[in-house]
């Protein structure tokens, strides 16, 4: 297909501005996190997140597959989407490298008795 540059792709027509992305990420709470397993297979799971205006903050249990995957391969993709109707559908995809911050979580011994 040839054109004169006046054609806009559907993607460009529905793109969000930086301000719209910031507002969207500030109001949503659930994302879908994709990691790469040891055998190369993808693993996707929902997770809550916090957007601070520059970074997505995720929390993970050390016994989760997600945590294990990221320790072996820190590449990550995160999708945040919203909308109830097809015409309302919107979303943001973030791809990059996960970085563990602070102390690495540790496992607490399991209690065998009730307090």
Protein backbone atom coordinates (compact mmCIF):
# COMPACT_ATOMS: atom_id res chain seq x y z
CA UNK A 1 0.00 0.00 0.00
CA UNK A 2 1.38 3.37 -0.89
CA UNK A 3 0.27 6.67 0.49
CA UNK A 4 1.08 10.30 0.82
CA UNK A 5 1.73 10.29 4.56
CA UNK A 6 -1.77 11.51 5.38
CA UNK A 7 -2.95 8.04 6.40
CA UNK A 8 -2.89 7.29 10.11
CA UNK A 9 -2.62 3.77 11.38
CA UNK A 10 -5.22 2.54 13.83
CA UNK A 11 -2.45 2.33 16.46
CA UNK A 12 -1.57 5.98 16.06
CA UNK A 13 -5.24 6.92 16.24
CA UNK A 14 -5.77 5.25 19.60
CA UNK A 15 -2.40 6.06 21.18
CA UNK A 16 -2.43 7.73 24.57
CA UNK A 17 -0.41 10.82 25.37
CA UNK A 18 2.18 10.72 28.15
CA UNK A 19 -0.31 12.51 30.43
CA UNK A 20 -3.07 10.00 29.57
CA UNK A 21 -0.72 7.08 30.26
CA UNK A 22 0.28 8.59 33.61
CA UNK A 23 -3.36 9.09 34.62
CA UNK A 24 -4.33 5.60 33.41
CA UNK A 25 -1.50 3.89 35.32
CA UNK A 26 -2.31 5.98 38.41
CA UNK A 27 -5.91 4.77 38.49
CA UNK A 28 -5.58 1.08 37.59
CA UNK A 29 -4.37 -1.49 40.14
CA UNK A 30 -4.10 -4.84 38.37
CA UNK A 31 -1.57 -5.78 35.71
CA UNK A 32 -0.59 -8.95 33.91
CA UNK A 33 3.05 -9.87 34.32
CA UNK A 34 4.80 -12.07 31.76
CA UNK A 35 8.08 -13.80 32.58
CA UNK A 36 10.16 -16.43 30.81
CA UNK A 37 10.44 -19.86 32.41
CA UNK A 38 13.60 -21.91 32.58
CA UNK A 39 12.44 -23.95 29.57
CA UNK A 40 11.76 -20.78 27.57
CA UNK A 41 8.00 -20.92 27.93
CA UNK A 42 6.05 -17.77 28.83
CA UNK A 43 4.28 -17.42 32.16
CA UNK A 44 1.60 -14.75 32.63
CA UNK A 45 -0.09 -13.95 35.94
CA UNK A 46 -2.16 -11.08 37.34
CA UNK A 47 -0.56 -8.90 40.00
CA UNK A 48 -1.28 -5.64 41.77
CA UNK A 49 1.06 -2.76 41.06
CA UNK A 50 1.79 0.83 42.05
CA UNK A 51 2.76 3.52 39.52
CA UNK A 52 4.93 6.31 40.96
CA UNK A 53 5.05 8.40 37.78
CA UNK A 54 8.27 6.81 36.53
CA UNK A 55 8.32 3.15 37.56
CA UNK A 56 5.93 0.26 38.06
CA UNK A 57 6.39 -1.25 41.51
CA UNK A 58 5.56 -4.94 41.77
CA UNK A 59 5.61 -7.24 44.77
CA UNK A 60 6.19 -10.96 44.52
CA UNK A 61 6.31 -13.93 46.85
CA UNK A 62 9.62 -15.76 46.76
CA UNK A 63 7.78 -19.06 46.33
CA UNK A 64 6.06 -17.85 43.16
CA UNK A 65 6.99 -19.01 39.70
CA UNK A 66 7.28 -15.33 38.72
CA UNK A 67 10.02 -14.73 41.31
CA UNK A 68 11.89 -17.87 40.27
CA UNK A 69 11.65 -16.91 36.60
CA UNK A 70 12.93 -13.38 37.21
CA UNK A 71 15.90 -14.62 39.22
CA UNK A 72 17.00 -16.66 36.20
CA UNK A 73 16.02 -14.18 33.48
CA UNK A 74 15.01 -10.62 34.49
CA UNK A 75 13.25 -9.82 31.19
CA UNK A 76 9.64 -8.89 31.85
CA UNK A 77 6.54 -7.64 30.06
CA UNK A 78 3.66 -6.01 31.91
CA UNK A 79 0.24 -5.16 30.49
CA UNK A 80 -2.25 -2.92 32.24
CA UNK A 81 -5.64 -2.77 30.56
CA UNK A 82 -9.05 -1.38 31.30
CA UNK A 83 -12.50 -0.82 29.85
CA UNK A 84 -15.80 -2.62 30.14
CA UNK A 85 -16.99 -2.33 26.53
CA UNK A 86 -15.04 -2.98 23.33
CA UNK A 87 -15.06 0.73 22.49
CA UNK A 88 -13.64 1.54 25.95
CA UNK A 89 -10.72 -0.90 25.72
CA UNK A 90 -7.38 0.72 26.42
CA UNK A 91 -4.06 -0.42 27.78
CA UNK A 92 -0.36 0.09 28.29
CA UNK A 93 2.43 -2.42 27.72
CA UNK A 94 5.76 -2.04 29.47
CA UNK A 95 8.70 -4.24 28.50
CA UNK A 96 12.08 -4.24 30.15
CA UNK A 97 14.21 -5.72 32.88
CA UNK A 98 12.99 -6.31 36.41
CA UNK A 99 15.28 -5.06 39.16
CA UNK A 100 15.02 -6.32 42.72
CA UNK A 101 15.19 -3.43 45.17
CA UNK A 102 15.90 -3.56 48.87
CA UNK A 103 16.53 -6.76 50.70
CA UNK A 104 15.61 -9.95 48.91
CA UNK A 105 12.52 -11.32 50.65
CA UNK A 106 13.13 -14.29 52.86
CA UNK A 107 10.92 -17.13 53.86
CA UNK A 108 9.56 -17.09 57.35
CA UNK A 109 9.38 -20.43 59.11
CA UNK A 110 5.89 -21.87 58.99
CA UNK A 111 4.06 -21.89 62.27
CA UNK A 112 2.89 -25.25 63.42
CA UNK A 113 0.81 -23.86 66.30
CA UNK A 114 -1.76 -21.12 66.45
CA UNK A 115 -0.68 -18.10 68.51
